PDB file of N, CA and C in Angstrom:
ATOM      1  N   MET A   1     -38.383  -3.758  31.638  1.00  0.00           N
ATOM      2  CA  MET A   1     -38.971  -4.204  30.398  1.00  0.00           C
ATOM      3  C   MET A   1     -39.149  -5.721  30.469  1.00  0.00           C
ATOM      4  N   ALA A   2     -40.354  -6.170  30.169  1.00  0.00           N
ATOM      5  CA  ALA A   2     -40.669  -7.593  30.250  1.00  0.00           C
ATOM      6  C   ALA A   2     -40.254  -8.311  28.968  1.00  0.00           C
ATOM      7  N   ILE A   3     -39.795  -9.529  29.096  1.00  0.00           N
ATOM      8  CA  ILE A   3     -39.430 -10.351  27.939  1.00  0.00           C
ATOM      9  C   ILE A   3     -40.704 -10.989  27.403  1.00  0.00           C
ATOM     10  N   PRO A   4     -40.944 -10.921  26.078  1.00  0.00           N
ATOM     11  CA  PRO A   4     -42.150 -11.534  25.509  1.00  0.00           C
ATOM     12  C   PRO A   4     -42.194 -13.033  25.817  1.00  0.00           C
ATOM     13  N   THR A   5     -43.393 -13.557  25.887  1.00  0.00           N
ATOM     14  CA  THR A   5     -43.597 -14.967  26.212  1.00  0.00           C
ATOM     15  C   THR A   5     -42.846 -15.876  25.251  1.00  0.00           C
ATOM     16  N   LEU A   6     -42.758 -15.454  24.019  1.00  0.00           N
ATOM     17  CA  LEU A   6     -42.104 -16.271  23.005  1.00  0.00           C
ATOM     18  C   LEU A   6     -40.644 -16.570  23.375  1.00  0.00           C
ATOM     19  N   TRP A   7     -39.999 -15.651  24.050  1.00  0.00           N
ATOM     20  CA  TRP A   7     -38.591 -15.797  24.356  1.00  0.00           C
ATOM     21  C   TRP A   7     -38.309 -16.313  25.768  1.00  0.00           C
ATOM     22  N   ARG A   8     -39.335 -16.511  26.535  1.00  0.00           N
ATOM     23  CA  ARG A   8     -39.134 -16.977  27.913  1.00  0.00           C
ATOM     24  C   ARG A   8     -38.719 -18.441  27.935  1.00  0.00           C
ATOM     25  N   ARG A   9     -37.945 -18.796  28.867  1.00  0.00           N
ATOM     26  CA  ARG A   9     -37.536 -20.192  29.026  1.00  0.00           C
ATOM     27  C   ARG A   9     -38.690 -21.032  29.545  1.00  0.00           C
ATOM     28  N   GLU A  10     -39.674 -20.392  30.202  1.00  0.00           N
ATOM     29  CA  GLU A  10     -40.798 -21.149  30.757  1.00  0.00           C
ATOM     30  C   GLU A  10     -41.817 -21.541  29.686  1.00  0.00           C
ATOM     31  N   ALA A  11     -41.653 -21.051  28.463  1.00  0.00           N
ATOM     32  CA  ALA A  11     -42.602 -21.389  27.397  1.00  0.00           C
ATOM     33  C   ALA A  11     -42.595 -22.908  27.196  1.00  0.00           C
ATOM     34  N   ASP A  12     -43.617 -23.405  26.515  1.00  0.00           N
ATOM     35  CA  ASP A  12     -43.711 -24.847  26.270  1.00  0.00           C
ATOM     36  C   ASP A  12     -42.427 -25.363  25.646  1.00  0.00           C
ATOM     37  N   PRO A  13     -41.859 -26.416  26.219  1.00  0.00           N
ATOM     38  CA  PRO A  13     -40.629 -26.964  25.645  1.00  0.00           C
ATOM     39  C   PRO A  13     -40.923 -27.652  24.305  1.00  0.00           C
ATOM     40  N   ILE A  14     -39.926 -27.694  23.457  1.00  0.00           N
ATOM     41  CA  ILE A  14     -40.072 -28.365  22.164  1.00  0.00           C
ATOM     42  C   ILE A  14     -39.962 -29.857  22.399  1.00  0.00           C
ATOM     43  N   GLU A  15     -40.941 -30.579  21.900  1.00  0.00           N
ATOM     44  CA  GLU A  15     -40.938 -32.032  22.043  1.00  0.00           C
ATOM     45  C   GLU A  15     -40.519 -32.646  20.714  1.00  0.00           C
ATOM     46  N   PRO A  16     -39.329 -33.223  20.646  1.00  0.00           N
ATOM     47  CA  PRO A  16     -38.808 -33.763  19.385  1.00  0.00           C
ATOM     48  C   PRO A  16     -39.738 -34.777  18.727  1.00  0.00           C
ATOM     49  N   VAL A  17     -40.425 -35.587  19.506  1.00  0.00           N
ATOM     50  CA  VAL A  17     -41.316 -36.601  18.942  1.00  0.00           C
ATOM     51  C   VAL A  17     -42.462 -35.915  18.191  1.00  0.00           C
ATOM     52  N   LYS A  18     -43.042 -34.862  18.797  1.00  0.00           N
ATOM     53  CA  LYS A  18     -44.128 -34.139  18.132  1.00  0.00           C
ATOM     54  C   LYS A  18     -43.630 -33.437  16.873  1.00  0.00           C
ATOM     55  N   VAL A  19     -42.444 -32.861  16.949  1.00  0.00           N
ATOM     56  CA  VAL A  19     -41.871 -32.186  15.786  1.00  0.00           C
ATOM     57  C   VAL A  19     -41.639 -33.196  14.668  1.00  0.00           C
ATOM     58  N   ASP A  20     -41.107 -34.365  14.998  1.00  0.00           N
ATOM     59  CA  ASP A  20     -40.884 -35.409  13.993  1.00  0.00           C
ATOM     60  C   ASP A  20     -42.188 -35.835  13.330  1.00  0.00           C
ATOM     61  N   ARG A  21     -43.242 -35.995  14.123  1.00  0.00           N
ATOM     62  CA  ARG A  21     -44.548 -36.386  13.576  1.00  0.00           C
ATOM     63  C   ARG A  21     -45.081 -35.317  12.622  1.00  0.00           C
ATOM     64  N   MET A  22     -44.955 -34.054  13.042  1.00  0.00           N
ATOM     65  CA  MET A  22     -45.440 -32.969  12.184  1.00  0.00           C
ATOM     66  C   MET A  22     -44.648 -32.897  10.882  1.00  0.00           C
ATOM     67  N   LEU A  23     -43.326 -33.052  10.958  1.00  0.00           N
ATOM     68  CA  LEU A  23     -42.506 -33.039   9.749  1.00  0.00           C
ATOM     69  C   LEU A  23     -42.829 -34.218   8.840  1.00  0.00           C
ATOM     70  N   TYR A  24     -43.087 -35.375   9.424  1.00  0.00           N
ATOM     71  CA  TYR A  24     -43.449 -36.558   8.645  1.00  0.00           C
ATOM     72  C   TYR A  24     -44.755 -36.315   7.891  1.00  0.00           C
ATOM     73  N   LYS A  25     -45.733 -35.726   8.582  1.00  0.00           N
ATOM     74  CA  LYS A  25     -47.014 -35.413   7.935  1.00  0.00           C
ATOM     75  C   LYS A  25     -46.829 -34.380   6.831  1.00  0.00           C
ATOM     76  N   LEU A  26     -46.007 -33.382   7.087  1.00  0.00           N
ATOM     77  CA  LEU A  26     -45.749 -32.347   6.098  1.00  0.00           C
ATOM     78  C   LEU A  26     -45.084 -32.928   4.855  1.00  0.00           C
ATOM     79  N   LYS A  27     -44.108 -33.792   5.066  1.00  0.00           N
ATOM     80  CA  LYS A  27     -43.435 -34.421   3.930  1.00  0.00           C
ATOM     81  C   LYS A  27     -44.401 -35.278   3.127  1.00  0.00           C
ATOM     82  N   GLY A  28     -45.272 -35.999   3.814  1.00  0.00           N
ATOM     83  CA  GLY A  28     -46.263 -36.822   3.124  1.00  0.00           C
ATOM     84  C   GLY A  28     -47.230 -35.973   2.322  1.00  0.00           C
ATOM     85  N   SER A  29     -47.663 -34.871   2.912  1.00  0.00           N
ATOM     86  CA  SER A  29     -48.586 -33.981   2.214  1.00  0.00           C
ATOM     87  C   SER A  29     -47.944 -33.364   0.992  1.00  0.00           C
ATOM     88  N   SER A  30     -46.694 -32.936   1.129  1.00  0.00           N
ATOM     89  CA  SER A  30     -46.021 -32.320  -0.015  1.00  0.00           C
ATOM     90  C   SER A  30     -45.757 -33.359  -1.104  1.00  0.00           C
ATOM     91  N   GLY A  31     -45.497 -34.589  -0.711  1.00  0.00           N
ATOM     92  CA  GLY A  31     -45.298 -35.659  -1.694  1.00  0.00           C
ATOM     93  C   GLY A  31     -46.568 -35.943  -2.478  1.00  0.00           C
ATOM     94  N   ARG A  32     -47.707 -35.953  -1.774  1.00  0.00           N
ATOM     95  CA  ARG A  32     -48.985 -36.163  -2.458  1.00  0.00           C
ATOM     96  C   ARG A  32     -49.310 -34.994  -3.380  1.00  0.00           C
ATOM     97  N   ALA A  33     -49.009 -33.787  -2.944  1.00  0.00           N
ATOM     98  CA  ALA A  33     -49.259 -32.610  -3.780  1.00  0.00           C
ATOM     99  C   ALA A  33     -48.388 -32.655  -5.034  1.00  0.00           C
ATOM    100  N   LYS A  34     -47.146 -33.076  -4.867  1.00  0.00           N
ATOM    101  CA  LYS A  34     -46.239 -33.182  -6.011  1.00  0.00           C
ATOM    102  C   LYS A  34     -46.748 -34.227  -7.000  1.00  0.00           C
ATOM    103  N   ALA A  35     -47.219 -35.355  -6.495  1.00  0.00           N
ATOM    104  CA  ALA A  35     -47.749 -36.410  -7.362  1.00  0.00           C
ATOM    105  C   ALA A  35     -49.002 -35.928  -8.094  1.00  0.00           C
ATOM    106  N   ALA A  36     -49.872 -35.195  -7.399  1.00  0.00           N
ATOM    107  CA  ALA A  36     -51.087 -34.673  -8.029  1.00  0.00           C
ATOM    108  C   ALA A  36     -50.725 -33.658  -9.107  1.00  0.00           C
ATOM    109  N   PHE A  37     -49.736 -32.821  -8.835  1.00  0.00           N
ATOM    110  CA  PHE A  37     -49.298 -31.837  -9.821  1.00  0.00           C
ATOM    111  C   PHE A  37     -48.732 -32.531 -11.052  1.00  0.00           C
ATOM    112  N   GLN A  38     -47.958 -33.585 -10.860  1.00  0.00           N
ATOM    113  CA  GLN A  38     -47.393 -34.323 -11.992  1.00  0.00           C
ATOM    114  C   GLN A  38     -48.506 -34.968 -12.816  1.00  0.00           C
ATOM    115  N   GLU A  39     -49.513 -35.508 -12.136  1.00  0.00           N
ATOM    116  CA  GLU A  39     -50.650 -36.104 -12.846  1.00  0.00           C
ATOM    117  C   GLU A  39     -51.386 -35.042 -13.655  1.00  0.00           C
ATOM    118  N   LEU A  40     -51.537 -33.871 -13.081  1.00  0.00           N
ATOM    119  CA  LEU A  40     -52.187 -32.764 -13.782  1.00  0.00           C
ATOM    120  C   LEU A  40     -51.378 -32.359 -15.016  1.00  0.00           C
ATOM    121  N   ARG A  41     -50.062 -32.308 -14.884  1.00  0.00           N
ATOM    122  CA  ARG A  41     -49.210 -31.981 -16.041  1.00  0.00           C
ATOM    123  C   ARG A  41     -49.355 -33.036 -17.140  1.00  0.00           C
ATOM    124  N   ASN A  42     -49.431 -34.306 -16.751  1.00  0.00           N
ATOM    125  CA  ASN A  42     -49.605 -35.374 -17.739  1.00  0.00           C
ATOM    126  C   ASN A  42     -50.940 -35.242 -18.457  1.00  0.00           C
ATOM    127  N   GLU A  43     -51.997 -34.974 -17.690  1.00  0.00           N
ATOM    128  CA  GLU A  43     -53.325 -34.804 -18.287  1.00  0.00           C
ATOM    129  C   GLU A  43     -53.342 -33.600 -19.231  1.00  0.00           C
ATOM    130  N   HIS A  44     -52.683 -32.524 -18.838  1.00  0.00           N
ATOM    131  CA  HIS A  44     -52.616 -31.332 -19.682  1.00  0.00           C
ATOM    132  C   HIS A  44     -51.924 -31.667 -20.999  1.00  0.00           C
ATOM    133  N   GLY A  45     -50.817 -32.399 -20.933  1.00  0.00           N
ATOM    134  CA  GLY A  45     -50.100 -32.788 -22.147  1.00  0.00           C
ATOM    135  C   GLY A  45     -50.948 -33.659 -23.056  1.00  0.00           C
ATOM    136  N   SER A  46     -51.680 -34.588 -22.460  1.00  0.00           N
ATOM    137  CA  SER A  46     -52.552 -35.464 -23.234  1.00  0.00           C
ATOM    138  C   SER A  46     -53.668 -34.681 -23.913  1.00  0.00           C
ATOM    139  N   LEU A  47     -54.283 -33.773 -23.170  1.00  0.00           N
ATOM    140  CA  LEU A  47     -55.355 -32.952 -23.733  1.00  0.00           C
ATOM    141  C   LEU A  47     -54.815 -32.067 -24.851  1.00  0.00           C
ATOM    142  N   ARG A  48     -53.643 -31.512 -24.642  1.00  0.00           N
ATOM    143  CA  ARG A  48     -53.039 -30.641 -25.654  1.00  0.00           C
ATOM    144  C   ARG A  48     -52.803 -31.408 -26.954  1.00  0.00           C
ATOM    145  N   GLU A  49     -52.283 -32.634 -26.857  1.00  0.00           N
ATOM    146  CA  GLU A  49     -52.061 -33.459 -28.047  1.00  0.00           C
ATOM    147  C   GLU A  49     -53.366 -33.742 -28.772  1.00  0.00           C
ATOM    148  N   LYS A  50     -54.407 -34.074 -28.015  1.00  0.00           N
ATOM    149  CA  LYS A  50     -55.708 -34.365 -28.622  1.00  0.00           C
ATOM    150  C   LYS A  50     -56.290 -33.135 -29.313  1.00  0.00           C
ATOM    151  N   LEU A  51     -56.134 -31.964 -28.693  1.00  0.00           N
ATOM    152  CA  LEU A  51     -56.646 -30.739 -29.311  1.00  0.00           C
ATOM    153  C   LEU A  51     -55.848 -30.384 -30.566  1.00  0.00           C
ATOM    154  N   GLU A  52     -54.532 -30.591 -30.536  1.00  0.00           N
ATOM    155  CA  GLU A  52     -53.725 -30.343 -31.727  1.00  0.00           C
ATOM    156  C   GLU A  52     -54.208 -31.214 -32.884  1.00  0.00           C
ATOM    157  N   LEU A  53     -54.438 -32.487 -32.621  1.00  0.00           N
ATOM    158  CA  LEU A  53     -54.931 -33.401 -33.645  1.00  0.00           C
ATOM    159  C   LEU A  53     -56.307 -32.968 -34.136  1.00  0.00           C
ATOM    160  N   TYR A  54     -57.175 -32.578 -33.213  1.00  0.00           N
ATOM    161  CA  TYR A  54     -58.519 -32.124 -33.567  1.00  0.00           C
ATOM    162  C   TYR A  54     -58.460 -30.918 -34.504  1.00  0.00           C
ATOM    163  N   PHE A  55     -57.662 -29.905 -34.153  1.00  0.00           N
ATOM    164  CA  PHE A  55     -57.583 -28.718 -34.990  1.00  0.00           C
ATOM    165  C   PHE A  55     -56.917 -29.012 -36.331  1.00  0.00           C
ATOM    166  N   GLN A  56     -55.970 -29.920 -36.345  1.00  0.00           N
ATOM    167  CA  GLN A  56     -55.339 -30.313 -37.600  1.00  0.00           C
ATOM    168  C   GLN A  56     -56.369 -30.969 -38.517  1.00  0.00           C
ATOM    169  N   GLN A  57     -57.166 -31.879 -37.979  1.00  0.00           N
ATOM    170  CA  GLN A  57     -58.198 -32.543 -38.775  1.00  0.00           C
ATOM    171  C   GLN A  57     -59.277 -31.558 -39.215  1.00  0.00           C
ATOM    172  N   LEU A  58     -59.603 -30.600 -38.369  1.00  0.00           N
ATOM    173  CA  LEU A  58     -60.596 -29.589 -38.704  1.00  0.00           C
ATOM    174  C   LEU A  58     -60.101 -28.725 -39.862  1.00  0.00           C
ATOM    175  N   ARG A  59     -58.816 -28.375 -39.861  1.00  0.00           N
ATOM    176  CA  ARG A  59     -58.255 -27.585 -40.969  1.00  0.00           C
ATOM    177  C   ARG A  59     -58.276 -28.384 -42.265  1.00  0.00           C
ATOM    178  N   GLN A  60     -58.024 -29.688 -42.182  1.00  0.00           N
ATOM    179  CA  GLN A  60     -58.032 -30.521 -43.381  1.00  0.00           C
ATOM    180  C   GLN A  60     -59.448 -30.701 -43.920  1.00  0.00           C
ATOM    181  N   ALA A  61     -60.423 -30.807 -43.029  1.00  0.00           N
ATOM    182  CA  ALA A  61     -61.812 -31.027 -43.447  1.00  0.00           C
ATOM    183  C   ALA A  61     -62.450 -29.756 -43.997  1.00  0.00           C
ATOM    184  N   ASN A  62     -62.086 -28.602 -43.468  1.00  0.00           N
ATOM    185  CA  ASN A  62     -62.673 -27.323 -43.873  1.00  0.00           C
ATOM    186  C   ASN A  62     -61.564 -26.329 -44.214  1.00  0.00           C
ATOM    187  N   PRO A  63     -60.875 -26.518 -45.362  1.00  0.00           N
ATOM    188  CA  PRO A  63     -59.771 -25.611 -45.660  1.00  0.00           C
ATOM    189  C   PRO A  63     -60.221 -24.166 -45.880  1.00  0.00           C
ATOM    190  N   ALA A  64     -61.462 -23.951 -46.315  1.00  0.00           N
ATOM    191  CA  ALA A  64     -61.950 -22.588 -46.539  1.00  0.00           C
ATOM    192  C   ALA A  64     -62.162 -21.857 -45.217  1.00  0.00           C
ATOM    193  N   GLU A  65     -62.551 -22.591 -44.199  1.00  0.00           N
ATOM    194  CA  GLU A  65     -62.745 -22.010 -42.872  1.00  0.00           C
ATOM    195  C   GLU A  65     -61.553 -22.409 -42.017  1.00  0.00           C
ATOM    196  N   THR A  66     -60.688 -21.505 -41.755  1.00  0.00           N
ATOM    197  CA  THR A  66     -59.482 -21.797 -40.993  1.00  0.00           C
ATOM    198  C   THR A  66     -59.827 -22.087 -39.546  1.00  0.00           C
ATOM    199  N   ALA A  67     -59.339 -23.188 -39.052  1.00  0.00           N
ATOM    200  CA  ALA A  67     -59.548 -23.541 -37.645  1.00  0.00           C
ATOM    201  C   ALA A  67     -58.384 -22.976 -36.851  1.00  0.00           C
ATOM    202  N   LEU A  68     -58.659 -22.006 -36.020  1.00  0.00           N
ATOM    203  CA  LEU A  68     -57.633 -21.378 -35.205  1.00  0.00           C
ATOM    204  C   LEU A  68     -57.816 -21.744 -33.755  1.00  0.00           C
ATOM    205  N   ARG A  69     -56.712 -21.751 -33.038  1.00  0.00           N
ATOM    206  CA  ARG A  69     -56.804 -21.961 -31.598  1.00  0.00           C
ATOM    207  C   ARG A  69     -57.477 -20.750 -30.975  1.00  0.00           C
ATOM    208  N   PRO A  70     -58.327 -20.965 -29.993  1.00  0.00           N
ATOM    209  CA  PRO A  70     -58.912 -19.815 -29.307  1.00  0.00           C
ATOM    210  C   PRO A  70     -57.855 -19.096 -28.479  1.00  0.00           C
ATOM    211  N   ILE A  71     -57.993 -17.797 -28.372  1.00  0.00           N
ATOM    212  CA  ILE A  71     -57.088 -17.006 -27.546  1.00  0.00           C
ATOM    213  C   ILE A  71     -57.556 -17.140 -26.106  1.00  0.00           C
ATOM    214  N   PRO A  72     -56.669 -17.501 -25.167  1.00  0.00           N
ATOM    215  CA  PRO A  72     -57.079 -17.663 -23.772  1.00  0.00           C
ATOM    216  C   PRO A  72     -57.755 -16.394 -23.240  1.00  0.00           C
ATOM    217  N   GLY A  73     -58.902 -16.592 -22.626  1.00  0.00           N
ATOM    218  CA  GLY A  73     -59.635 -15.482 -22.031  1.00  0.00           C
ATOM    219  C   GLY A  73     -60.581 -14.790 -22.991  1.00  0.00           C
ATOM    220  N   GLU A  74     -60.497 -15.099 -24.274  1.00  0.00           N
ATOM    221  CA  GLU A  74     -61.366 -14.455 -25.255  1.00  0.00           C
ATOM    222  C   GLU A  74     -62.509 -15.390 -25.613  1.00  0.00           C
ATOM    223  N   VAL A  75     -63.722 -14.888 -25.528  1.00  0.00           N
ATOM    224  CA  VAL A  75     -64.896 -15.679 -25.879  1.00  0.00           C
ATOM    225  C   VAL A  75     -65.582 -15.002 -27.049  1.00  0.00           C
ATOM    226  N   THR A  76     -65.633 -15.686 -28.185  1.00  0.00           N
ATOM    227  CA  THR A  76     -66.311 -15.135 -29.356  1.00  0.00           C
ATOM    228  C   THR A  76     -67.185 -16.211 -29.976  1.00  0.00           C
ATOM    229  N   LEU A  77     -68.290 -15.802 -30.527  1.00  0.00           N
ATOM    230  CA  LEU A  77     -69.191 -16.686 -31.242  1.00  0.00           C
ATOM    231  C   LEU A  77     -69.327 -16.146 -32.663  1.00  0.00           C
ATOM    232  N   HIS A  78     -69.015 -16.964 -33.650  1.00  0.00           N
ATOM    233  CA  HIS A  78     -69.109 -16.550 -35.051  1.00  0.00           C
ATOM    234  C   HIS A  78     -70.077 -17.457 -35.772  1.00  0.00           C
ATOM    235  N   ALA A  79     -70.834 -16.863 -36.691  1.00  0.00           N
ATOM    236  CA  ALA A  79     -71.733 -17.640 -37.548  1.00  0.00           C
ATOM    237  C   ALA A  79     -70.903 -18.324 -38.618  1.00  0.00           C
ATOM    238  N   ARG A  80     -71.408 -19.391 -39.188  1.00  0.00           N
ATOM    239  CA  ARG A  80     -70.682 -20.097 -40.242  1.00  0.00           C
ATOM    240  C   ARG A  80     -70.508 -19.231 -41.483  1.00  0.00           C
ATOM    241  N   ALA A  81     -71.353 -18.226 -41.686  1.00  0.00           N
ATOM    242  CA  ALA A  81     -71.265 -17.364 -42.847  1.00  0.00           C
ATOM    243  C   ALA A  81     -69.968 -16.552 -42.859  1.00  0.00           C
ATOM    244  N   GLY A  82     -69.346 -16.417 -41.718  1.00  0.00           N
ATOM    245  CA  GLY A  82     -68.052 -15.778 -41.707  1.00  0.00           C
ATOM    246  C   GLY A  82     -67.912 -14.561 -40.819  1.00  0.00           C
ATOM    247  N   GLY A  83     -68.971 -13.977 -40.343  1.00  0.00           N
ATOM    248  CA  GLY A  83     -68.831 -12.785 -39.541  1.00  0.00           C
ATOM    249  C   GLY A  83     -69.393 -12.964 -38.144  1.00  0.00           C
ATOM    250  N   PRO A  84     -69.111 -11.996 -37.297  1.00  0.00           N
ATOM    251  CA  PRO A  84     -69.684 -12.068 -35.948  1.00  0.00           C
ATOM    252  C   PRO A  84     -71.197 -11.888 -35.982  1.00  0.00           C
ATOM    253  N   ARG A  85     -71.853 -12.612 -35.158  1.00  0.00           N
ATOM    254  CA  ARG A  85     -73.314 -12.546 -35.084  1.00  0.00           C
ATOM    255  C   ARG A  85     -73.700 -11.439 -34.119  1.00  0.00           C
ATOM    256  N   ASN A  86     -74.570 -10.538 -34.554  1.00  0.00           N
ATOM    257  CA  ASN A  86     -75.029  -9.434 -33.696  1.00  0.00           C
ATOM    258  C   ASN A  86     -76.407  -9.713 -33.160  1.00  0.00           C
TER     259      ASN A  86
END
């Protein structure tokens, strides 16, 4: 039974310098991804605050027409008269 190439001693030796370079690049990439994710979270929070203020002002300006948050994934168009437009 032959030993797979992966387990042979003749396979390419591990070069610590190359491994260090690859790990350094990986750490840098993950750090940039983490920073981008944090920026995205900050932008989401800012947008959420602005939308909350917008809907609050909309409710105050039009108390007869309740301003509700849209349900994620639901797309509806309503006429100002109050019912769905067919």
